[in-house]
């Protein structure tokens, strides 16, 4: 175990906050969380060192690929391409743009635009016409997202610290580095787009990783992150049973305030932070089962109704500019 008594954002000592259990452990094991009274950051302290932490990822990732789904149904693919062409600059996807003009109608259907963008929505990268525009996915897992982006015309690179997953990425035809971004030692100003989709909270040294992202991004390049929100409605309801804590794998749990303050310490010319209720229903079910000490994730009829009510409530609050969504979404432009 190693100690981290101070907030990485404010550099001030944290206060004892919670002792959540590892929800995936075969034996009951609790971890202490500190909270920064100034910015709201939560972090595990003391925490397992790098050599010990890997043990907590056993059976954590789904060891299945989606390679069997070799192509989307043609109609779905046409709609997806039309949406990407019209809203995200992927003009090369459509020879004739008649369908693109009608793409706005398709986006009126809830969830269609989100599905077309791999659940990223407004964070999805606009197409860059410059040659060899590089997109990097840190914590790429099985490489499904990068496979799609490669098909859309990007040069792609995956970085995955957990070696068991790199074989799946390679099977998807993706160049992947087994290690960390810092260990790869990429050249300066090489990347157009860097994404960390629920990876940032797992990093033992987030500040160093942000600094490295700034170094490798080209001027005008974009860093995108999605991470759990320590001020979400789900956390307020479930507290130590909230699915987003996931100690000790989530070494840090940021609030919108703490992530803004952290990114202000780096030379980004524009930073946009929002919260989203996209995963509200899923988080509600997982948290409810944790509170009942159940391992199954299959909700019954009553729980399905409850999760829909919860998700609607959270979406409504987010629409009223309350930063209580289950996820923080970040876009930072160098």
C-alpha atoms as a PDB file:
ATOM      1  CA  UNK A   1       0.000   0.000   0.000  1.00  0.00           C
ATOM      2  CA  UNK A   2       1.070   3.595  -0.581  1.00  0.00           C
ATOM      3  CA  UNK A   3      -0.188   6.841   0.916  1.00  0.00           C
ATOM      4  CA  UNK A   4      -1.520   9.896  -0.940  1.00  0.00           C
ATOM      5  CA  UNK A   5      -2.711  12.264   1.803  1.00  0.00           C
ATOM      6  CA  UNK A   6      -3.059  15.431  -0.295  1.00  0.00           C
ATOM      7  CA  UNK A   7      -5.425  16.504  -3.066  1.00  0.00           C
ATOM      8  CA  UNK A   8      -3.737  16.407  -6.490  1.00  0.00           C
ATOM      9  CA  UNK A   9      -5.702  19.508  -7.540  1.00  0.00           C
ATOM     10  CA  UNK A  10      -5.362  21.812  -4.506  1.00  0.00           C
ATOM     11  CA  UNK A  11      -2.271  20.219  -2.930  1.00  0.00           C
ATOM     12  CA  UNK A  12      -4.024  20.389   0.450  1.00  0.00           C
ATOM     13  CA  UNK A  13      -4.665  17.550   2.927  1.00  0.00           C
ATOM     14  CA  UNK A  14      -7.907  15.661   2.494  1.00  0.00           C
ATOM     15  CA  UNK A  15     -10.346  14.663   5.224  1.00  0.00           C
ATOM     16  CA  UNK A  16     -11.578  11.124   5.922  1.00  0.00           C
ATOM     17  CA  UNK A  17     -14.833  10.603   4.050  1.00  0.00           C
ATOM     18  CA  UNK A  18     -16.036   7.055   3.281  1.00  0.00           C
ATOM     19  CA  UNK A  19     -14.937   3.423   3.488  1.00  0.00           C
ATOM     20  CA  UNK A  20     -16.638   1.667   0.549  1.00  0.00           C
ATOM     21  CA  UNK A  21     -16.149  -2.054  -0.062  1.00  0.00           C
ATOM     22  CA  UNK A  22     -14.741  -3.552  -3.236  1.00  0.00           C
ATOM     23  CA  UNK A  23     -17.984  -4.641  -4.904  1.00  0.00           C
ATOM     24  CA  UNK A  24     -16.181  -7.165  -7.138  1.00  0.00           C
ATOM     25  CA  UNK A  25     -14.133  -8.854  -4.422  1.00  0.00           C
ATOM     26  CA  UNK A  26     -14.763 -12.446  -3.391  1.00  0.00           C
ATOM     27  CA  UNK A  27     -13.979 -11.430   0.177  1.00  0.00           C
ATOM     28  CA  UNK A  28     -15.208  -8.298   1.891  1.00  0.00           C
ATOM     29  CA  UNK A  29     -12.545  -5.620   1.709  1.00  0.00           C
ATOM     30  CA  UNK A  30     -13.023  -1.916   2.425  1.00  0.00           C
ATOM     31  CA  UNK A  31     -10.944   1.039   1.260  1.00  0.00           C
ATOM     32  CA  UNK A  32     -10.709   4.501   2.783  1.00  0.00           C
ATOM     33  CA  UNK A  33     -11.596   7.552   0.719  1.00  0.00           C
ATOM     34  CA  UNK A  34     -10.323  11.054   1.333  1.00  0.00           C
ATOM     35  CA  UNK A  35     -12.227  14.149   0.236  1.00  0.00           C
ATOM     36  CA  UNK A  36     -10.840  17.572  -0.561  1.00  0.00           C
ATOM     37  CA  UNK A  37     -12.939  20.158   1.339  1.00  0.00           C
ATOM     38  CA  UNK A  38     -12.043  22.802  -1.258  1.00  0.00           C
ATOM     39  CA  UNK A  39     -12.706  21.198  -4.669  1.00  0.00           C
ATOM     40  CA  UNK A  40     -14.659  18.014  -3.835  1.00  0.00           C
ATOM     41  CA  UNK A  41     -12.156  15.507  -5.247  1.00  0.00           C
ATOM     42  CA  UNK A  42     -12.382  11.983  -3.764  1.00  0.00           C
ATOM     43  CA  UNK A  43      -9.451   9.576  -3.763  1.00  0.00           C
ATOM     44  CA  UNK A  44      -8.412   6.222  -2.317  1.00  0.00           C
ATOM     45  CA  UNK A  45      -5.910   6.532   0.520  1.00  0.00           C
ATOM     46  CA  UNK A  46      -4.017   4.419   1.322  1.00  0.00           C
ATOM     47  CA  UNK A  47      -4.130   2.670  -2.043  1.00  0.00           C
ATOM     48  CA  UNK A  48      -2.569  -0.480  -3.498  1.00  0.00           C
ATOM     49  CA  UNK A  49       0.718   0.165  -5.281  1.00  0.00           C
ATOM     50  CA  UNK A  50       1.087  -0.534  -9.000  1.00  0.00           C
ATOM     51  CA  UNK A  51       2.145  -4.138  -8.501  1.00  0.00           C
ATOM     52  CA  UNK A  52      -0.749  -4.883  -6.163  1.00  0.00           C
ATOM     53  CA  UNK A  53      -3.426  -2.953  -8.049  1.00  0.00           C
ATOM     54  CA  UNK A  54      -3.363  -5.283 -11.054  1.00  0.00           C
ATOM     55  CA  UNK A  55      -4.883  -8.031  -8.874  1.00  0.00           C
ATOM     56  CA  UNK A  56      -8.091  -6.015  -8.573  1.00  0.00           C
ATOM     57  CA  UNK A  57      -8.636  -6.139 -12.340  1.00  0.00           C
ATOM     58  CA  UNK A  58      -9.014  -9.900 -12.503  1.00  0.00           C
ATOM     59  CA  UNK A  59     -12.315 -10.602 -14.288  1.00  0.00           C
ATOM     60  CA  UNK A  60     -12.957  -6.838 -14.364  1.00  0.00           C
ATOM     61  CA  UNK A  61     -13.084  -6.529 -18.147  1.00  0.00           C
ATOM     62  CA  UNK A  62     -15.430  -8.429 -20.455  1.00  0.00           C
ATOM     63  CA  UNK A  63     -13.192 -10.875 -22.330  1.00  0.00           C
ATOM     64  CA  UNK A  64     -15.421 -11.035 -25.363  1.00  0.00           C
ATOM     65  CA  UNK A  65     -15.120  -9.230 -28.646  1.00  0.00           C
ATOM     66  CA  UNK A  66     -17.701  -7.951 -31.064  1.00  0.00           C
ATOM     67  CA  UNK A  67     -15.811  -9.183 -34.093  1.00  0.00           C
ATOM     68  CA  UNK A  68     -18.735 -11.415 -35.006  1.00  0.00           C
ATOM     69  CA  UNK A  69     -20.673  -8.251 -35.837  1.00  0.00           C
ATOM     70  CA  UNK A  70     -18.676  -7.608 -38.989  1.00  0.00           C
ATOM     71  CA  UNK A  71     -20.968  -4.996 -40.484  1.00  0.00           C
ATOM     72  CA  UNK A  72     -24.020  -3.019 -39.532  1.00  0.00           C
ATOM     73  CA  UNK A  73     -27.237  -3.543 -41.387  1.00  0.00           C
ATOM     74  CA  UNK A  74     -27.096  -1.398 -44.492  1.00  0.00           C
ATOM     75  CA  UNK A  75     -29.954   0.869 -43.492  1.00  0.00           C
ATOM     76  CA  UNK A  76     -28.384   1.589 -40.085  1.00  0.00           C
ATOM     77  CA  UNK A  77     -25.031   2.221 -41.717  1.00  0.00           C
ATOM     78  CA  UNK A  78     -26.568   4.662 -44.177  1.00  0.00           C
ATOM     79  CA  UNK A  79     -28.263   6.608 -41.374  1.00  0.00           C
ATOM     80  CA  UNK A  80     -25.080   6.646 -39.293  1.00  0.00           C
ATOM     81  CA  UNK A  81     -22.996   7.877 -42.219  1.00  0.00           C
ATOM     82  CA  UNK A  82     -25.563  10.555 -43.033  1.00  0.00           C
ATOM     83  CA  UNK A  83     -25.476  11.864 -39.456  1.00  0.00           C
ATOM     84  CA  UNK A  84     -21.673  11.866 -39.349  1.00  0.00           C
ATOM     85  CA  UNK A  85     -21.513  13.557 -42.751  1.00  0.00           C
ATOM     86  CA  UNK A  86     -23.979  16.308 -41.872  1.00  0.00           C
ATOM     87  CA  UNK A  87     -22.956  17.088 -38.297  1.00  0.00           C
ATOM     88  CA  UNK A  88     -19.330  15.958 -37.927  1.00  0.00           C
ATOM     89  CA  UNK A  89     -17.642  16.680 -41.263  1.00  0.00           C
ATOM     90  CA  UNK A  90     -17.280  13.113 -42.581  1.00  0.00           C
ATOM     91  CA  UNK A  91     -18.184  14.188 -46.119  1.00  0.00           C
ATOM     92  CA  UNK A  92     -16.293  11.286 -47.709  1.00  0.00           C
ATOM     93  CA  UNK A  93     -18.832   8.796 -46.305  1.00  0.00           C
ATOM     94  CA  UNK A  94     -21.559   9.860 -48.735  1.00  0.00           C
ATOM     95  CA  UNK A  95     -21.270  10.054 -52.519  1.00  0.00           C
ATOM     96  CA  UNK A  96     -24.619  11.801 -52.841  1.00  0.00           C
ATOM     97  CA  UNK A  97     -25.828  13.973 -49.999  1.00  0.00           C
ATOM     98  CA  UNK A  98     -29.577  13.558 -50.427  1.00  0.00           C
ATOM     99  CA  UNK A  99     -29.846  11.394 -47.313  1.00  0.00           C
ATOM    100  CA  UNK A 100     -27.612  13.783 -45.362  1.00  0.00           C
ATOM    101  CA  UNK A 101     -30.201  16.533 -45.803  1.00  0.00           C
ATOM    102  CA  UNK A 102     -32.767  14.261 -44.163  1.00  0.00           C
ATOM    103  CA  UNK A 103     -30.425  13.220 -41.340  1.00  0.00           C
ATOM    104  CA  UNK A 104     -31.912  15.928 -39.132  1.00  0.00           C
ATOM    105  CA  UNK A 105     -35.185  14.016 -39.108  1.00  0.00           C
ATOM    106  CA  UNK A 106     -33.453  10.845 -37.903  1.00  0.00           C
ATOM    107  CA  UNK A 107     -31.799  12.749 -35.045  1.00  0.00           C
ATOM    108  CA  UNK A 108     -35.249  13.689 -33.714  1.00  0.00           C
ATOM    109  CA  UNK A 109     -35.589  10.056 -32.595  1.00  0.00           C
ATOM    110  CA  UNK A 110     -34.158   9.835 -29.041  1.00  0.00           C
ATOM    111  CA  UNK A 111     -30.769   8.163 -28.917  1.00  0.00           C
ATOM    112  CA  UNK A 112     -30.146   7.934 -32.688  1.00  0.00           C
ATOM    113  CA  UNK A 113     -27.455  10.617 -32.798  1.00  0.00           C
ATOM    114  CA  UNK A 114     -25.844   9.157 -29.683  1.00  0.00           C
ATOM    115  CA  UNK A 115     -25.732   5.661 -31.191  1.00  0.00           C
ATOM    116  CA  UNK A 116     -24.259   7.012 -34.425  1.00  0.00           C
ATOM    117  CA  UNK A 117     -21.360   8.519 -32.485  1.00  0.00           C
ATOM    118  CA  UNK A 118     -20.439   5.517 -30.326  1.00  0.00           C
ATOM    119  CA  UNK A 119     -22.308   7.075 -27.392  1.00  0.00           C
ATOM    120  CA  UNK A 120     -20.018  10.152 -27.476  1.00  0.00           C
ATOM    121  CA  UNK A 121     -22.515  12.695 -28.828  1.00  0.00           C
ATOM    122  CA  UNK A 122     -21.029  16.220 -28.698  1.00  0.00           C
ATOM    123  CA  UNK A 123     -17.623  14.774 -27.761  1.00  0.00           C
ATOM    124  CA  UNK A 124     -17.309  12.825 -31.025  1.00  0.00           C
ATOM    125  CA  UNK A 125     -14.328  14.030 -33.120  1.00  0.00           C
ATOM    126  CA  UNK A 126     -15.048  16.137 -36.153  1.00  0.00           C
ATOM    127  CA  UNK A 127     -13.193  14.789 -39.161  1.00  0.00           C
ATOM    128  CA  UNK A 128      -9.782  16.296 -39.844  1.00  0.00           C
ATOM    129  CA  UNK A 129      -8.768  16.380 -43.492  1.00  0.00           C
ATOM    130  CA  UNK A 130      -5.046  16.770 -42.784  1.00  0.00           C
ATOM    131  CA  UNK A 131      -2.965  13.712 -43.751  1.00  0.00           C
ATOM    132  CA  UNK A 132      -2.138  11.203 -41.024  1.00  0.00           C
ATOM    133  CA  UNK A 133      -4.426  12.818 -38.426  1.00  0.00           C
ATOM    134  CA  UNK A 134      -3.794  10.655 -35.369  1.00  0.00           C
ATOM    135  CA  UNK A 135      -6.484   9.690 -32.861  1.00  0.00           C
ATOM    136  CA  UNK A 136      -5.306   8.089 -29.600  1.00  0.00           C
ATOM    137  CA  UNK A 137      -7.543   6.141 -27.222  1.00  0.00           C
ATOM    138  CA  UNK A 138      -6.040   5.733 -23.741  1.00  0.00           C
ATOM    139  CA  UNK A 139      -7.537   2.667 -22.084  1.00  0.00           C
ATOM    140  CA  UNK A 140      -8.768   1.378 -25.443  1.00  0.00           C
ATOM    141  CA  UNK A 141      -9.844  -2.022 -24.084  1.00  0.00           C
ATOM    142  CA  UNK A 142     -10.801  -4.323 -26.936  1.00  0.00           C
ATOM    143  CA  UNK A 143     -10.334  -1.580 -29.537  1.00  0.00           C
ATOM    144  CA  UNK A 144     -13.919  -1.486 -30.864  1.00  0.00           C
ATOM    145  CA  UNK A 145     -14.086   2.305 -30.873  1.00  0.00           C
ATOM    146  CA  UNK A 146     -10.732   2.607 -32.647  1.00  0.00           C
ATOM    147  CA  UNK A 147     -11.805   0.029 -35.213  1.00  0.00           C
ATOM    148  CA  UNK A 148     -14.757   2.248 -36.121  1.00  0.00           C
ATOM    149  CA  UNK A 149     -12.618   5.396 -36.240  1.00  0.00           C
ATOM    150  CA  UNK A 150     -10.068   3.683 -38.486  1.00  0.00           C
ATOM    151  CA  UNK A 151     -12.883   2.770 -40.878  1.00  0.00           C
ATOM    152  CA  UNK A 152     -13.964   6.430 -40.838  1.00  0.00           C
ATOM    153  CA  UNK A 153     -10.547   7.585 -42.044  1.00  0.00           C
ATOM    154  CA  UNK A 154      -8.427   8.266 -38.960  1.00  0.00           C
ATOM    155  CA  UNK A 155      -4.960   6.994 -38.170  1.00  0.00           C
ATOM    156  CA  UNK A 156      -5.499   5.361 -34.785  1.00  0.00           C
ATOM    157  CA  UNK A 157      -3.427   4.220 -31.840  1.00  0.00           C
ATOM    158  CA  UNK A 158      -4.594   2.393 -28.729  1.00  0.00           C
ATOM    159  CA  UNK A 159      -2.901   2.467 -25.345  1.00  0.00           C
ATOM    160  CA  UNK A 160      -3.903  -0.206 -22.854  1.00  0.00           C
ATOM    161  CA  UNK A 161      -2.107  -0.887 -19.572  1.00  0.00           C
ATOM    162  CA  UNK A 162      -3.718  -4.297 -19.040  1.00  0.00           C
ATOM    163  CA  UNK A 163      -1.992  -6.700 -21.360  1.00  0.00           C
ATOM    164  CA  UNK A 164      -4.815  -9.254 -21.466  1.00  0.00           C
ATOM    165  CA  UNK A 165      -6.917  -6.797 -23.491  1.00  0.00           C
ATOM    166  CA  UNK A 166      -4.286  -5.875 -26.064  1.00  0.00           C
ATOM    167  CA  UNK A 167      -4.761  -9.184 -27.901  1.00  0.00           C
ATOM    168  CA  UNK A 168      -8.391  -8.265 -28.584  1.00  0.00           C
ATOM    169  CA  UNK A 169      -7.327  -4.850 -29.904  1.00  0.00           C
ATOM    170  CA  UNK A 170      -4.785  -6.454 -32.222  1.00  0.00           C
ATOM    171  CA  UNK A 171      -7.442  -8.901 -33.411  1.00  0.00           C
ATOM    172  CA  UNK A 172      -9.489  -5.848 -34.381  1.00  0.00           C
ATOM    173  CA  UNK A 173      -6.578  -4.727 -36.581  1.00  0.00           C
ATOM    174  CA  UNK A 174      -5.593  -1.891 -34.234  1.00  0.00           C
ATOM    175  CA  UNK A 175      -2.065  -0.789 -33.407  1.00  0.00           C
ATOM    176  CA  UNK A 176      -1.942  -0.900 -29.617  1.00  0.00           C
ATOM    177  CA  UNK A 177       0.770  -0.210 -27.053  1.00  0.00           C
ATOM    178  CA  UNK A 178       0.718  -2.387 -23.928  1.00  0.00           C
ATOM    179  CA  UNK A 179       1.592   0.103 -21.201  1.00  0.00           C
ATOM    180  CA  UNK A 180       0.950   3.736 -20.311  1.00  0.00           C
ATOM    181  CA  UNK A 181       1.011   6.902 -22.380  1.00  0.00           C
ATOM    182  CA  UNK A 182       4.110   8.088 -20.540  1.00  0.00           C
ATOM    183  CA  UNK A 183       5.952   4.840 -21.241  1.00  0.00           C
ATOM    184  CA  UNK A 184       5.311   5.076 -24.999  1.00  0.00           C
ATOM    185  CA  UNK A 185       7.221   8.385 -25.306  1.00  0.00           C
ATOM    186  CA  UNK A 186       5.474   9.728 -28.373  1.00  0.00           C
ATOM    187  CA  UNK A 187       6.825  12.693 -30.317  1.00  0.00           C
ATOM    188  CA  UNK A 188       5.702  16.249 -29.558  1.00  0.00           C
ATOM    189  CA  UNK A 189       2.557  17.594 -31.255  1.00  0.00           C
ATOM    190  CA  UNK A 190       1.722  14.307 -32.975  1.00  0.00           C
ATOM    191  CA  UNK A 191      -1.949  13.777 -32.093  1.00  0.00           C
ATOM    192  CA  UNK A 192      -5.095  15.522 -33.279  1.00  0.00           C
ATOM    193  CA  UNK A 193      -7.432  13.857 -30.796  1.00  0.00           C
ATOM    194  CA  UNK A 194      -6.905  12.050 -27.471  1.00  0.00           C
ATOM    195  CA  UNK A 195      -9.735  10.281 -25.688  1.00  0.00           C
ATOM    196  CA  UNK A 196      -9.992   8.798 -22.203  1.00  0.00           C
ATOM    197  CA  UNK A 197     -13.430   7.227 -21.883  1.00  0.00           C
ATOM    198  CA  UNK A 198     -13.710   6.108 -18.247  1.00  0.00           C
ATOM    199  CA  UNK A 199      -9.948   5.694 -18.021  1.00  0.00           C
ATOM    200  CA  UNK A 200      -8.842   8.879 -16.239  1.00  0.00           C
ATOM    201  CA  UNK A 201     -10.219   7.800 -12.849  1.00  0.00           C
ATOM    202  CA  UNK A 202      -8.059   4.650 -12.993  1.00  0.00           C
ATOM    203  CA  UNK A 203      -4.746   6.496 -13.411  1.00  0.00           C
ATOM    204  CA  UNK A 204      -2.359   6.626 -10.448  1.00  0.00           C
ATOM    205  CA  UNK A 205      -0.898   9.966 -11.596  1.00  0.00           C
ATOM    206  CA  UNK A 206      -3.547  11.961 -13.512  1.00  0.00           C
ATOM    207  CA  UNK A 207      -1.526  15.200 -13.510  1.00  0.00           C
ATOM    208  CA  UNK A 208       1.391  13.610 -15.343  1.00  0.00           C
ATOM    209  CA  UNK A 209      -0.950  12.068 -17.908  1.00  0.00           C
ATOM    210  CA  UNK A 210      -2.626  15.430 -18.607  1.00  0.00           C
ATOM    211  CA  UNK A 211       0.798  17.020 -18.993  1.00  0.00           C
ATOM    212  CA  UNK A 212       1.765  14.296 -21.468  1.00  0.00           C
ATOM    213  CA  UNK A 213      -1.494  14.781 -23.394  1.00  0.00           C
ATOM    214  CA  UNK A 214      -0.734  18.494 -23.735  1.00  0.00           C
ATOM    215  CA  UNK A 215       2.735  17.687 -25.049  1.00  0.00           C
ATOM    216  CA  UNK A 216       1.603  15.232 -27.732  1.00  0.00           C
ATOM    217  CA  UNK A 217      -1.439  17.223 -28.923  1.00  0.00           C
ATOM    218  CA  UNK A 218      -1.027  19.500 -31.912  1.00  0.00           C
ATOM    219  CA  UNK A 219      -2.094  23.161 -31.504  1.00  0.00           C
ATOM    220  CA  UNK A 220      -5.872  23.060 -31.813  1.00  0.00           C
ATOM    221  CA  UNK A 221      -5.897  19.361 -30.866  1.00  0.00           C
ATOM    222  CA  UNK A 222      -8.598  18.053 -28.553  1.00  0.00           C
ATOM    223  CA  UNK A 223      -8.564  16.055 -25.339  1.00  0.00           C
ATOM    224  CA  UNK A 224     -11.855  14.339 -24.511  1.00  0.00           C
ATOM    225  CA  UNK A 225     -12.660  12.607 -21.222  1.00  0.00           C
ATOM    226  CA  UNK A 226     -15.669  10.945 -19.684  1.00  0.00           C
ATOM    227  CA  UNK A 227     -15.572   9.995 -15.994  1.00  0.00           C
ATOM    228  CA  UNK A 228     -17.821   9.395 -12.950  1.00  0.00           C
ATOM    229  CA  UNK A 229     -19.238  12.435 -11.173  1.00  0.00           C
ATOM    230  CA  UNK A 230     -18.713  12.724  -7.411  1.00  0.00           C
ATOM    231  CA  UNK A 231     -21.657  15.156  -7.270  1.00  0.00           C
ATOM    232  CA  UNK A 232     -24.113  12.983  -9.186  1.00  0.00           C
ATOM    233  CA  UNK A 233     -27.667  12.277  -8.120  1.00  0.00           C
ATOM    234  CA  UNK A 234     -26.733   8.597  -7.869  1.00  0.00           C
ATOM    235  CA  UNK A 235     -23.929   9.321  -5.420  1.00  0.00           C
ATOM    236  CA  UNK A 236     -26.198  11.502  -3.286  1.00  0.00           C
ATOM    237  CA  UNK A 237     -28.728   8.643  -3.158  1.00  0.00           C
ATOM    238  CA  UNK A 238     -26.462   5.611  -2.678  1.00  0.00           C
ATOM    239  CA  UNK A 239     -23.280   7.119  -1.123  1.00  0.00           C
ATOM    240  CA  UNK A 240     -20.850   4.233  -0.393  1.00  0.00           C
ATOM    241  CA  UNK A 241     -22.936   1.832  -2.527  1.00  0.00           C
ATOM    242  CA  UNK A 242     -22.764   4.110  -5.582  1.00  0.00           C
ATOM    243  CA  UNK A 243     -21.508   2.164  -8.600  1.00  0.00           C
ATOM    244  CA  UNK A 244     -19.254   5.035  -9.709  1.00  0.00           C
ATOM    245  CA  UNK A 245     -16.926   4.748  -6.694  1.00  0.00           C
ATOM    246  CA  UNK A 246     -15.610   1.274  -7.616  1.00  0.00           C
ATOM    247  CA  UNK A 247     -12.723   1.380  -5.132  1.00  0.00           C
ATOM    248  CA  UNK A 248      -9.878   0.582  -5.440  1.00  0.00           C
ATOM    249  CA  UNK A 249      -9.919   0.557  -9.267  1.00  0.00           C
ATOM    250  CA  UNK A 250     -11.201   4.128  -9.392  1.00  0.00           C
ATOM    251  CA  UNK A 251      -8.324   5.769  -7.603  1.00  0.00           C
ATOM    252  CA  UNK A 252      -9.889   9.231  -8.074  1.00  0.00           C
ATOM    253  CA  UNK A 253     -13.485  10.415  -8.373  1.00  0.00           C
ATOM    254  CA  UNK A 254     -13.740  13.972  -9.686  1.00  0.00           C
ATOM    255  CA  UNK A 255     -16.443  16.577  -9.313  1.00  0.00           C
ATOM    256  CA  UNK A 256     -17.110  19.102 -12.093  1.00  0.00           C
ATOM    257  CA  UNK A 257     -15.358  21.721  -9.957  1.00  0.00           C
ATOM    258  CA  UNK A 258     -12.244  19.627  -9.336  1.00  0.00           C
ATOM    259  CA  UNK A 259     -11.783  18.635 -12.997  1.00  0.00           C
ATOM    260  CA  UNK A 260     -12.175  22.274 -14.089  1.00  0.00           C
ATOM    261  CA  UNK A 261      -9.606  23.423 -11.536  1.00  0.00           C
ATOM    262  CA  UNK A 262      -7.188  20.690 -12.601  1.00  0.00           C
ATOM    263  CA  UNK A 263      -7.425  21.498 -16.322  1.00  0.00           C
ATOM    264  CA  UNK A 264      -7.015  25.234 -15.660  1.00  0.00           C
ATOM    265  CA  UNK A 265      -3.498  24.428 -14.479  1.00  0.00           C
ATOM    266  CA  UNK A 266      -2.538  23.361 -18.026  1.00  0.00           C
ATOM    267  CA  UNK A 267      -2.270  25.414 -21.245  1.00  0.00           C
ATOM    268  CA  UNK A 268      -5.658  24.656 -22.793  1.00  0.00           C
ATOM    269  CA  UNK A 269      -7.222  27.602 -24.636  1.00  0.00           C
ATOM    270  CA  UNK A 270     -10.741  26.223 -24.206  1.00  0.00           C
ATOM    271  CA  UNK A 271     -12.248  23.827 -21.639  1.00  0.00           C
ATOM    272  CA  UNK A 272     -15.885  22.732 -21.629  1.00  0.00           C
ATOM    273  CA  UNK A 273     -17.264  20.573 -18.799  1.00  0.00           C
ATOM    274  CA  UNK A 274     -20.802  19.166 -18.652  1.00  0.00           C
ATOM    275  CA  UNK A 275     -22.535  16.319 -16.868  1.00  0.00           C
ATOM    276  CA  UNK A 276     -24.692  13.666 -18.523  1.00  0.00           C
ATOM    277  CA  UNK A 277     -27.440  11.295 -17.390  1.00  0.00           C
ATOM    278  CA  UNK A 278     -26.587   8.823 -20.185  1.00  0.00           C
ATOM    279  CA  UNK A 279     -25.765   5.983 -17.761  1.00  0.00           C
ATOM    280  CA  UNK A 280     -28.270   6.921 -15.046  1.00  0.00           C
ATOM    281  CA  UNK A 281     -30.455   3.809 -15.405  1.00  0.00           C
ATOM    282  CA  UNK A 282     -27.531   1.392 -15.499  1.00  0.00           C
ATOM    283  CA  UNK A 283     -25.866   3.073 -12.514  1.00  0.00           C
ATOM    284  CA  UNK A 284     -29.106   2.982 -10.532  1.00  0.00           C
ATOM    285  CA  UNK A 285     -29.511  -0.777 -11.034  1.00  0.00           C
ATOM    286  CA  UNK A 286     -25.891  -1.576 -10.193  1.00  0.00           C
ATOM    287  CA  UNK A 287     -25.971   0.647  -7.104  1.00  0.00           C
ATOM    288  CA  UNK A 288     -29.270  -0.824  -5.938  1.00  0.00           C
ATOM    289  CA  UNK A 289     -27.857  -4.336  -6.205  1.00  0.00           C
ATOM    290  CA  UNK A 290     -24.734  -3.267  -4.308  1.00  0.00           C
ATOM    291  CA  UNK A 291     -26.931  -1.865  -1.535  1.00  0.00           C
ATOM    292  CA  UNK A 292     -28.750  -5.225  -1.363  1.00  0.00           C
ATOM    293  CA  UNK A 293     -25.483  -7.183  -1.626  1.00  0.00           C
ATOM    294  CA  UNK A 294     -26.661  -8.851  -4.825  1.00  0.00           C
ATOM    295  CA  UNK A 295     -24.334  -9.880  -7.645  1.00  0.00           C
ATOM    296  CA  UNK A 296     -26.965 -10.176 -10.392  1.00  0.00           C
ATOM    297  CA  UNK A 297     -27.404  -7.204 -12.720  1.00  0.00           C
ATOM    298  CA  UNK A 298     -30.777  -8.326 -14.111  1.00  0.00           C
ATOM    299  CA  UNK A 299     -33.458  -5.939 -12.816  1.00  0.00           C
ATOM    300  CA  UNK A 300     -36.964  -7.114 -12.037  1.00  0.00           C
ATOM    301  CA  UNK A 301     -40.103  -5.277 -13.138  1.00  0.00           C
ATOM    302  CA  UNK A 302     -40.193  -2.955 -10.113  1.00  0.00           C
ATOM    303  CA  UNK A 303     -36.517  -2.081 -10.474  1.00  0.00           C
ATOM    304  CA  UNK A 304     -36.959  -1.352 -14.189  1.00  0.00           C
ATOM    305  CA  UNK A 305     -39.693   1.144 -13.339  1.00  0.00           C
ATOM    306  CA  UNK A 306     -37.580   2.708 -10.600  1.00  0.00           C
ATOM    307  CA  UNK A 307     -34.539   3.091 -12.858  1.00  0.00           C
ATOM    308  CA  UNK A 308     -36.621   4.833 -15.543  1.00  0.00           C
ATOM    309  CA  UNK A 309     -38.020   7.261 -12.972  1.00  0.00           C
ATOM    310  CA  UNK A 310     -34.518   7.912 -11.652  1.00  0.00           C
ATOM    311  CA  UNK A 311     -33.066   8.407 -15.153  1.00  0.00           C
ATOM    312  CA  UNK A 312     -35.888  10.804 -16.108  1.00  0.00           C
ATOM    313  CA  UNK A 313     -35.360  12.797 -12.913  1.00  0.00           C
ATOM    314  CA  UNK A 314     -31.623  13.068 -13.560  1.00  0.00           C
ATOM    315  CA  UNK A 315     -32.069  14.064 -17.215  1.00  0.00           C
ATOM    316  CA  UNK A 316     -34.530  16.751 -16.151  1.00  0.00           C
ATOM    317  CA  UNK A 317     -32.091  18.164 -13.591  1.00  0.00           C
ATOM    318  CA  UNK A 318     -29.254  18.152 -16.145  1.00  0.00           C
ATOM    319  CA  UNK A 319     -31.525  19.996 -18.595  1.00  0.00           C
ATOM    320  CA  UNK A 320     -31.959  22.637 -15.868  1.00  0.00           C
ATOM    321  CA  UNK A 321     -28.142  23.052 -15.723  1.00  0.00           C
ATOM    322  CA  UNK A 322     -27.740  21.094 -12.504  1.00  0.00           C
ATOM    323  CA  UNK A 323     -24.370  19.300 -12.615  1.00  0.00           C
ATOM    324  CA  UNK A 324     -25.727  16.077 -11.123  1.00  0.00           C
ATOM    325  CA  UNK A 325     -25.417  13.648 -14.058  1.00  0.00           C
ATOM    326  CA  UNK A 326     -23.691  10.321 -13.457  1.00  0.00           C
ATOM    327  CA  UNK A 327     -20.913  11.203 -15.901  1.00  0.00           C
ATOM    328  CA  UNK A 328     -18.683  14.222 -16.344  1.00  0.00           C
ATOM    329  CA  UNK A 329     -17.970  14.990 -19.998  1.00  0.00           C
ATOM    330  CA  UNK A 330     -14.898  17.066 -20.803  1.00  0.00           C
ATOM    331  CA  UNK A 331     -13.568  18.624 -23.982  1.00  0.00           C
ATOM    332  CA  UNK A 332     -10.304  20.573 -23.751  1.00  0.00           C
ATOM    333  CA  UNK A 333      -8.691  22.226 -26.791  1.00  0.00           C
ATOM    334  CA  UNK A 334      -4.981  23.014 -26.799  1.00  0.00           C
END
